[in-house]
Amino acid sequence: MQAERTEVLVVGAGQAGIAMSAHLTRLNIPHLVVERDRIAGRWRSARWDSLVANGPAWHDRFRGMDFTTCGPDDFPAKEDVPDYFEAYARMIAAPVRCGVEVISVVQGAQGFQVETSAGPIAARGLVSATGPFQKPLVPAIVPQTPGLTQMHSTAYRNPGQLPEGAVLVVGSGSSGTQIADELNRAGRGVFLSVGPHDRPMRRYRGKDFVWWLGQLGKWDLEAPHPGMEHVTIAVSGAYGGRTIEFRALVAEGLTLLGRVEGCVDGVLRLADDLSRNIHAGDRYHLALLDEADAHVARLGLDLPPEPGARAIPPDPPCLTDPIRHLDLRAEQITSIIWATGFSLDYGWLGLDAFDEKGRPDHDKGVSRRIPGLYFLGLPWLSHRGSSFIWGCWRDAGRLAEDIAARRTKD
């Protein structure tokens, strides 16, 4: 079969792929976008029912289109986000082909030969826009046991999906904390394993924390060094948005645990790091408030003080006398939800484009090893905001300009 030809092939039609299509269209660069599912399909198929975005609608969007399903200060619901991307793709007439899976890529003299489920495609440039949430990561710690349901957070939908009994949630980022909170509100006994994390305020002095990160220049920070690209952030837009305070969750019925280190005969061994992780999150929280206050004073901003934001409740017993061993059967725990993140999966991209740890070897999204290959949508691609909707938009514009310059040079 003769290969279809295009200037640039974009793999993936989530936020990264649609953003790249918008900028390539702006620069009049012919391209195709292929997506094995549907536009932003993971939002529909791999998220729990009550999920809302962690950023307000005024912030987490592309230029040129607002969310119409909620107010600017609201947090878009699970279905609102993919609907937004589909509407944006229609608005820009993005050349997206859904249901097309990339099987393999070979580098050729004139670019790339791409084998897809719909036939071969030849492209001078290739953009991997498959994002960071590729392969759910579940540590091989707790053996599969009859009567114990284990799942990654991508498989969780709602409390009614789980068998009767208590639930252990492993992971204290946005997903793990929100799922644990929902289960506790549903009357389940909930244990939450808390690892290292940053804990920002949801709002402070009348402004959302995403506004503060922009004002304080934190969205533009670059990753300190390879391996530091992932930072767990405990923040939530659920229930109208509130600052996560783990001690408050304990007062509402949760039990906090340190990191899960091992399991023998149904008894978990827990690290002695719970207090350290919680107090480090507190220090981040208070330091961010200090920076915000200094910024207000320096610029003379009319933002009312909020001394109550610094209040930290006393440590509950599960912090002062942490649990080091947890008997799953004795605690009637019948489900474990692993909110433990993702690993990258570039099995389709059979090119020498990766470092010794299998990570894309790139300079702010431009491959260091393969001319014409680009990566988009990854955390800290060029700055802290790179994996967020607006940050991905900015990265896509910069990479599209690089593609345009390369076309002119060639």
Protein backbone atom coordinates (compact mmCIF):
# COMPACT_ATOMS: atom_id res chain seq x y z
CA MET A 1 0.00 0.00 0.00
CA GLN A 2 1.34 3.40 -0.95
CA ALA A 3 1.92 5.66 2.02
CA GLU A 4 -0.15 8.78 2.52
CA ARG A 5 2.08 11.83 2.76
CA THR A 6 1.88 14.79 5.11
CA GLU A 7 4.28 17.44 6.32
CA VAL A 8 3.82 16.73 10.04
CA LEU A 9 2.16 13.81 11.79
CA VAL A 10 0.91 14.46 15.32
CA VAL A 11 0.32 11.32 17.41
CA GLY A 12 -2.35 11.85 20.04
CA ALA A 13 -5.44 14.09 20.14
CA GLY A 14 -5.55 15.12 23.75
CA GLN A 15 -4.73 18.63 24.88
CA ALA A 16 -1.22 18.40 23.42
CA GLY A 17 -2.28 17.19 19.99
CA ILE A 18 -5.10 19.71 19.63
CA ALA A 19 -2.83 22.55 20.77
CA MET A 20 -0.19 21.52 18.24
CA SER A 21 -2.77 21.33 15.48
CA ALA A 22 -3.95 24.85 16.30
CA HIS A 23 -0.45 26.28 15.99
CA LEU A 24 0.46 24.30 12.87
CA THR A 25 -2.75 25.57 11.28
CA ARG A 26 -1.83 29.13 12.28
CA LEU A 27 1.49 28.72 10.49
CA ASN A 28 -0.09 27.07 7.43
CA ILE A 29 1.84 23.83 7.95
CA PRO A 30 0.06 20.77 6.48
CA HIS A 31 -0.45 18.07 9.10
CA LEU A 32 -2.52 15.18 10.35
CA VAL A 33 -3.45 14.22 13.91
CA VAL A 34 -4.09 10.54 14.61
CA GLU A 35 -5.74 9.27 17.78
CA ARG A 36 -6.37 5.63 18.68
CA ASP A 37 -9.45 6.49 20.76
CA ARG A 38 -11.38 9.74 20.47
CA ILE A 39 -10.38 13.31 21.20
CA ALA A 40 -9.29 13.53 24.86
CA GLY A 41 -10.71 10.04 25.32
CA ARG A 42 -8.83 9.34 28.54
CA TRP A 43 -10.93 11.98 30.28
CA ARG A 44 -13.98 9.86 29.55
CA SER A 45 -12.59 6.35 29.96
CA ALA A 46 -9.92 6.63 32.68
CA ARG A 47 -11.32 9.05 35.25
CA TRP A 48 -13.72 8.65 38.16
CA ASP A 49 -17.30 9.89 37.85
CA SER A 50 -17.12 12.92 40.17
CA LEU A 51 -13.75 14.23 38.96
CA VAL A 52 -13.40 17.94 38.33
CA ALA A 53 -10.38 19.81 37.01
CA ASN A 54 -7.93 21.07 39.61
CA GLY A 55 -7.70 24.50 38.01
CA PRO A 56 -10.51 27.03 37.50
CA ALA A 57 -12.00 27.41 34.03
CA TRP A 58 -10.49 30.87 33.48
CA HIS A 59 -7.03 29.37 33.81
CA ASP A 60 -7.12 25.84 32.37
CA ARG A 61 -8.06 26.62 28.77
CA PHE A 62 -6.65 27.45 25.35
CA ARG A 63 -6.54 30.95 23.94
CA GLY A 64 -9.56 31.90 21.92
CA MET A 65 -12.17 29.75 23.64
CA ASP A 66 -13.69 29.80 27.13
CA PHE A 67 -15.55 27.00 28.83
CA THR A 68 -19.27 27.49 28.27
CA THR A 69 -20.45 24.75 30.65
CA CYS A 70 -19.39 26.51 33.86
CA GLY A 71 -18.41 29.89 35.21
CA PRO A 72 -14.82 31.18 34.96
CA ASP A 73 -14.11 30.52 38.65
CA ASP A 74 -15.69 27.05 38.61
CA PHE A 75 -13.79 23.81 38.16
CA PRO A 76 -14.85 22.03 34.94
CA ALA A 77 -16.44 18.61 35.44
CA LYS A 78 -15.09 15.39 33.97
CA GLU A 79 -17.19 15.53 30.79
CA ASP A 80 -16.70 19.27 30.33
CA VAL A 81 -13.00 18.90 29.56
CA PRO A 82 -13.16 16.47 26.60
CA ASP A 83 -16.22 18.31 25.30
CA TYR A 84 -14.13 21.49 25.36
CA PHE A 85 -11.31 19.90 23.35
CA GLU A 86 -13.74 18.44 20.82
CA ALA A 87 -15.37 21.85 20.40
CA TYR A 88 -11.97 23.48 19.97
CA ALA A 89 -10.95 20.91 17.36
CA ARG A 90 -14.14 21.70 15.42
CA MET A 91 -13.54 25.43 15.70
CA ILE A 92 -10.07 25.19 14.14
CA ALA A 93 -11.08 22.40 11.74
CA ALA A 94 -8.29 20.22 13.11
CA PRO A 95 -7.47 17.32 10.74
CA VAL A 96 -8.01 14.65 13.42
CA ARG A 97 -8.52 10.99 12.57
CA CYS A 98 -9.89 9.03 15.50
CA GLY A 99 -9.65 5.27 15.83
CA VAL A 100 -6.22 5.21 14.21
CA GLU A 101 -3.44 3.58 16.22
CA VAL A 102 0.25 4.04 15.46
CA ILE A 103 1.92 0.64 15.35
CA SER A 104 5.52 1.51 14.49
CA VAL A 105 7.79 4.32 13.31
CA VAL A 106 10.90 4.01 11.16
CA GLN A 107 13.23 6.89 10.37
CA GLY A 108 13.80 7.39 6.66
CA ALA A 109 15.87 9.64 4.44
CA GLN A 110 13.03 12.14 4.08
CA GLY A 111 11.54 11.90 7.57
CA PHE A 112 9.47 9.12 9.07
CA GLN A 113 7.64 6.06 7.80
CA VAL A 114 4.73 5.43 10.15
CA GLU A 115 2.69 2.24 10.16
CA THR A 116 -0.84 2.74 11.48
CA SER A 117 -3.94 0.62 11.84
CA ALA A 118 -5.37 2.57 8.88
CA GLY A 119 -2.34 2.21 6.63
CA PRO A 120 1.12 3.77 6.23
CA ILE A 121 1.82 7.49 6.53
CA ALA A 122 5.01 9.27 5.48
CA ALA A 123 5.81 12.50 7.32
CA ARG A 124 8.76 14.90 7.37
CA GLY A 125 8.09 15.78 10.99
CA LEU A 126 6.66 13.75 13.87
CA VAL A 127 5.19 15.06 17.12
CA SER A 128 4.61 12.66 20.01
CA ALA A 129 1.66 14.20 21.84
CA THR A 130 0.63 11.14 23.82
CA GLY A 131 1.10 12.90 27.16
CA PRO A 132 2.42 11.67 30.51
CA PHE A 133 -0.49 9.43 31.56
CA GLN A 134 0.35 6.43 29.42
CA LYS A 135 0.84 3.29 31.51
CA PRO A 136 -0.77 3.03 34.98
CA LEU A 137 1.88 2.27 37.58
CA VAL A 138 0.98 -0.28 40.28
CA PRO A 139 3.82 -1.34 42.60
CA ALA A 140 4.18 -5.09 42.99
CA ILE A 141 3.80 -4.94 46.76
CA VAL A 142 0.53 -6.61 47.73
CA PRO A 143 -0.06 -10.07 46.18
CA GLN A 144 -3.33 -10.73 44.41
CA THR A 145 -5.50 -12.29 47.10
CA PRO A 146 -9.07 -13.66 47.04
CA GLY A 147 -11.41 -11.20 48.68
CA LEU A 148 -9.10 -8.22 48.08
CA THR A 149 -9.87 -5.96 45.12
CA GLN A 150 -6.91 -3.98 43.79
CA MET A 151 -7.06 -1.35 41.06
CA HIS A 152 -5.25 1.70 39.76
CA SER A 153 -7.02 5.02 40.19
CA THR A 154 -7.76 5.03 36.44
CA ALA A 155 -10.12 2.07 36.98
CA TYR A 156 -11.97 3.64 39.92
CA ARG A 157 -15.38 5.17 39.14
CA ASN A 158 -17.40 5.58 42.35
CA PRO A 159 -17.86 4.09 45.84
CA GLY A 160 -20.64 1.77 44.69
CA GLN A 161 -18.19 0.00 42.38
CA LEU A 162 -16.23 -1.41 45.32
CA PRO A 163 -17.17 -4.38 47.53
CA GLU A 164 -18.37 -3.73 51.06
CA GLY A 165 -15.61 -3.01 53.52
CA ALA A 166 -12.86 -0.51 54.23
CA VAL A 167 -10.57 0.90 51.52
CA LEU A 168 -6.86 1.64 51.42
CA VAL A 169 -5.89 4.45 49.05
CA VAL A 170 -2.18 4.64 48.26
CA GLY A 171 -1.02 8.05 47.06
CA SER A 172 -1.59 11.56 48.41
CA GLY A 173 -1.61 13.62 45.24
CA SER A 174 -4.76 15.14 43.81
CA SER A 175 -6.24 11.84 42.64
CA GLY A 176 -5.57 9.80 45.77
CA THR A 177 -6.70 12.50 48.16
CA GLN A 178 -9.91 13.27 46.27
CA ILE A 179 -10.81 9.59 45.93
CA ALA A 180 -10.15 8.99 49.63
CA ASP A 181 -12.28 12.01 50.53
CA GLU A 182 -15.15 10.79 48.33
CA LEU A 183 -15.04 7.30 49.85
CA ASN A 184 -15.02 8.72 53.36
CA ARG A 185 -18.04 10.91 52.56
CA ALA A 186 -19.77 7.75 51.33
CA GLY A 187 -19.35 6.20 54.77
CA ARG A 188 -16.46 3.87 54.02
CA GLY A 189 -13.63 3.24 56.41
CA VAL A 190 -10.67 4.83 54.61
CA PHE A 191 -6.91 4.55 55.10
CA LEU A 192 -4.77 6.97 53.11
CA SER A 193 -1.05 6.34 52.52
CA VAL A 194 0.69 9.73 52.33
CA GLY A 195 4.03 10.21 50.57
CA PRO A 196 6.11 13.37 49.96
CA HIS A 197 4.04 16.19 48.47
CA ASP A 198 3.62 19.92 48.02
CA ARG A 199 0.49 21.34 49.66
CA PRO A 200 -0.55 24.74 48.28
CA MET A 201 -3.54 26.76 49.42
CA ARG A 202 -6.61 26.52 47.18
CA ARG A 203 -7.33 30.24 47.51
CA TYR A 204 -5.58 32.97 49.42
CA ARG A 205 -6.45 36.63 49.84
CA GLY A 206 -9.21 36.21 47.27
CA LYS A 207 -7.08 34.61 44.54
CA ASP A 208 -6.77 31.00 43.41
CA PHE A 209 -3.42 29.31 43.92
CA VAL A 210 -2.88 29.07 40.14
CA TRP A 211 -2.99 32.87 40.05
CA TRP A 212 -0.43 33.03 42.83
CA LEU A 213 1.92 30.62 41.08
CA GLY A 214 1.81 32.91 38.07
CA GLN A 215 2.36 36.06 40.12
CA LEU A 216 5.30 34.48 41.94
CA GLY A 217 6.91 33.21 38.73
CA LYS A 218 6.59 29.56 39.72
CA TRP A 219 4.85 28.39 36.55
CA ASP A 220 7.96 29.35 34.59
CA LEU A 221 10.39 27.38 36.74
CA GLU A 222 12.42 24.75 34.93
CA ALA A 223 13.00 21.24 36.31
CA PRO A 224 16.02 21.33 38.67
CA HIS A 225 17.59 18.25 37.04
CA PRO A 226 16.51 15.00 35.32
CA GLY A 227 14.49 12.81 37.64
CA MET A 228 12.88 15.77 39.41
CA GLU A 229 10.20 16.23 36.75
CA HIS A 230 7.41 14.81 38.91
CA VAL A 231 6.15 16.75 41.90
CA THR A 232 3.13 15.41 43.81
CA ILE A 233 0.73 18.26 44.53
CA ALA A 234 -2.08 17.86 47.04
CA VAL A 235 -4.75 20.21 45.72
CA SER A 236 -8.41 19.76 44.90
CA GLY A 237 -11.17 21.44 42.92
CA ALA A 238 -13.77 19.02 44.32
CA TYR A 239 -16.76 20.31 46.30
CA GLY A 240 -16.16 23.82 45.04
CA GLY A 241 -12.44 23.67 45.78
CA ARG A 242 -10.75 23.68 49.15
CA THR A 243 -7.27 23.59 50.60
CA ILE A 244 -6.30 20.03 51.44
CA GLU A 245 -5.45 19.68 55.13
CA PHE A 246 -4.72 16.07 55.97
CA ARG A 247 -5.40 16.58 59.68
CA ALA A 248 -8.89 17.83 58.79
CA LEU A 249 -9.45 14.66 56.79
CA VAL A 250 -8.54 12.68 59.91
CA ALA A 251 -11.11 14.67 61.89
CA GLU A 252 -13.65 13.68 59.22
CA GLY A 253 -12.88 9.99 59.68
CA LEU A 254 -9.81 9.05 57.61
CA THR A 255 -6.75 7.27 59.00
CA LEU A 256 -3.38 8.41 57.65
CA LEU A 257 -0.47 6.05 57.01
CA GLY A 258 3.11 6.36 55.85
CA ARG A 259 4.29 4.92 52.56
CA VAL A 260 3.58 1.24 51.93
CA GLU A 261 6.90 -0.61 51.91
CA GLY A 262 5.93 -4.29 51.85
CA CYS A 263 3.33 -6.94 52.58
CA VAL A 264 3.68 -10.34 54.26
CA ASP A 265 0.69 -12.61 54.85
CA GLY A 266 -1.77 -9.75 54.44
CA VAL A 267 0.04 -7.42 56.84
CA LEU A 268 1.44 -4.21 55.39
CA ARG A 269 4.75 -2.77 56.52
CA LEU A 270 4.59 1.03 56.58
CA ALA A 271 7.45 3.51 56.48
CA ASP A 272 8.09 5.77 59.44
CA ASP A 273 7.75 8.86 57.25
CA LEU A 274 4.17 10.05 57.76
CA SER A 275 4.97 12.90 60.14
CA ARG A 276 7.92 13.97 58.00
CA ASN A 277 5.80 14.06 54.84
CA ILE A 278 2.93 15.95 56.48
CA HIS A 279 5.19 18.54 58.09
CA ALA A 280 7.16 19.07 54.87
CA GLY A 281 3.84 19.77 53.15
CA ASP A 282 3.04 22.27 55.91
CA ARG A 283 6.35 24.05 55.38
CA TYR A 284 5.66 24.35 51.65
CA HIS A 285 2.19 25.72 52.42
CA LEU A 286 3.44 28.34 54.87
CA ALA A 287 6.38 29.35 52.67
CA LEU A 288 4.02 29.94 49.76
CA LEU A 289 1.84 32.15 51.98
CA ASP A 290 4.96 34.07 53.03
CA GLU A 291 5.89 34.66 49.39
CA ALA A 292 2.35 35.77 48.59
CA ASP A 293 2.29 38.23 51.50
CA ALA A 294 5.68 39.65 50.50
CA HIS A 295 4.43 40.07 46.93
CA VAL A 296 1.33 41.95 48.13
CA ALA A 297 3.42 44.23 50.32
CA ARG A 298 6.01 44.86 47.61
CA LEU A 299 3.43 45.86 44.99
CA GLY A 300 0.91 47.42 47.36
CA LEU A 301 -1.90 45.18 46.10
CA ASP A 302 -5.39 45.65 47.51
CA LEU A 303 -5.88 42.05 48.64
CA PRO A 304 -7.29 41.61 52.17
CA PRO A 305 -5.18 39.72 54.74
CA GLU A 306 -6.22 36.16 55.59
CA PRO A 307 -4.50 35.15 58.84
CA GLY A 308 -6.70 32.07 59.22
CA ALA A 309 -4.96 30.46 56.25
CA ARG A 310 -1.94 29.81 58.48
CA ALA A 311 -3.88 27.81 61.05
CA ILE A 312 -2.65 24.22 61.30
CA PRO A 313 -4.61 21.84 63.55
CA PRO A 314 -2.85 19.74 66.21
CA ASP A 315 -1.37 16.45 65.08
CA PRO A 316 -3.86 13.59 65.51
CA PRO A 317 -2.80 10.27 67.09
CA CYS A 318 -2.10 8.66 63.70
CA LEU A 319 0.70 11.25 63.28
CA THR A 320 2.07 11.24 66.83
CA ASP A 321 1.87 7.44 67.13
CA PRO A 322 1.97 6.25 63.50
CA ILE A 323 0.83 2.82 62.43
CA ARG A 324 3.79 0.76 61.27
CA HIS A 325 1.96 -2.49 60.47
CA LEU A 326 -1.56 -2.81 59.08
CA ASP A 327 -3.42 -6.12 59.03
CA LEU A 328 -5.74 -5.85 56.04
CA ARG A 329 -8.12 -8.56 57.24
CA ALA A 330 -8.30 -7.28 60.81
CA GLU A 331 -9.14 -3.80 59.53
CA GLN A 332 -11.73 -5.28 57.12
CA ILE A 333 -9.97 -3.72 54.15
CA THR A 334 -11.42 -5.27 51.00
CA SER A 335 -10.14 -2.82 48.39
CA ILE A 336 -6.86 -1.09 47.56
CA ILE A 337 -6.77 1.81 45.12
CA TRP A 338 -3.29 2.63 43.83
CA ALA A 339 -3.11 6.35 43.00
CA THR A 340 0.56 5.89 42.22
CA GLY A 341 0.95 7.62 38.90
CA PHE A 342 2.08 6.47 35.50
CA SER A 343 5.09 5.37 33.52
CA LEU A 344 5.85 6.32 29.93
CA ASP A 345 5.11 3.90 27.12
CA TYR A 346 6.77 4.57 23.77
CA GLY A 347 6.64 1.01 22.46
CA TRP A 348 5.27 2.35 19.17
CA LEU A 349 8.21 4.72 18.71
CA GLY A 350 11.05 2.39 17.77
CA LEU A 351 13.68 5.08 17.45
CA ASP A 352 16.89 5.80 19.34
CA ALA A 353 15.33 8.85 20.95
CA PHE A 354 15.57 7.94 24.62
CA ASP A 355 18.10 8.08 27.44
CA GLU A 356 19.35 5.12 29.46
CA LYS A 357 16.22 5.23 31.66
CA GLY A 358 13.84 5.21 28.71
CA ARG A 359 12.93 8.89 28.97
CA PRO A 360 12.72 11.09 25.86
CA ASP A 361 16.07 12.78 25.31
CA HIS A 362 15.01 16.28 24.35
CA ASP A 363 15.70 19.96 24.75
CA LYS A 364 12.38 21.57 25.71
CA GLY A 365 10.54 19.14 23.45
CA VAL A 366 12.99 19.05 20.54
CA SER A 367 14.63 15.64 20.21
CA ARG A 368 18.38 15.75 20.70
CA ARG A 369 18.91 12.56 18.73
CA ILE A 370 16.37 12.50 15.90
CA PRO A 371 15.95 15.55 13.62
CA GLY A 372 12.29 16.34 13.03
CA LEU A 373 11.05 14.52 16.14
CA TYR A 374 9.26 16.45 18.89
CA PHE A 375 7.70 15.66 22.27
CA LEU A 376 4.80 17.63 23.70
CA GLY A 377 2.61 17.52 26.81
CA LEU A 378 5.14 16.03 29.22
CA PRO A 379 5.60 17.42 32.74
CA TRP A 380 8.34 20.07 32.93
CA LEU A 381 8.90 19.87 29.17
CA SER A 382 10.11 23.46 29.25
CA HIS A 383 8.63 24.75 32.50
CA ARG A 384 6.45 23.78 35.44
CA GLY A 385 3.23 24.53 33.56
CA SER A 386 4.05 22.33 30.56
CA SER A 387 1.61 19.52 31.36
CA PHE A 388 -1.28 21.89 32.12
CA ILE A 389 -3.73 22.93 29.39
CA TRP A 390 -2.48 26.52 29.05
CA GLY A 391 1.17 25.52 29.45
CA CYS A 392 0.86 22.85 26.80
CA TRP A 393 -0.59 25.50 24.49
CA ARG A 394 2.48 27.65 24.99
CA ASP A 395 4.89 24.78 24.37
CA ALA A 396 2.99 23.79 21.23
CA GLY A 397 3.40 27.31 19.83
CA ARG A 398 7.13 27.25 20.41
CA LEU A 399 7.56 23.81 18.83
CA ALA A 400 5.42 24.79 15.85
CA GLU A 401 7.71 27.77 15.28
CA ASP A 402 10.69 25.39 15.36
CA ILE A 403 9.00 23.18 12.77
CA ALA A 404 8.33 26.21 10.58
CA ALA A 405 11.95 27.36 10.84
CA ARG A 406 13.16 23.87 9.94
CA ARG A 407 10.92 23.84 6.85
CA THR A 408 12.40 27.15 5.70
CA LYS A 409 15.93 25.93 6.32
CA ASP A 410 15.34 22.69 4.41
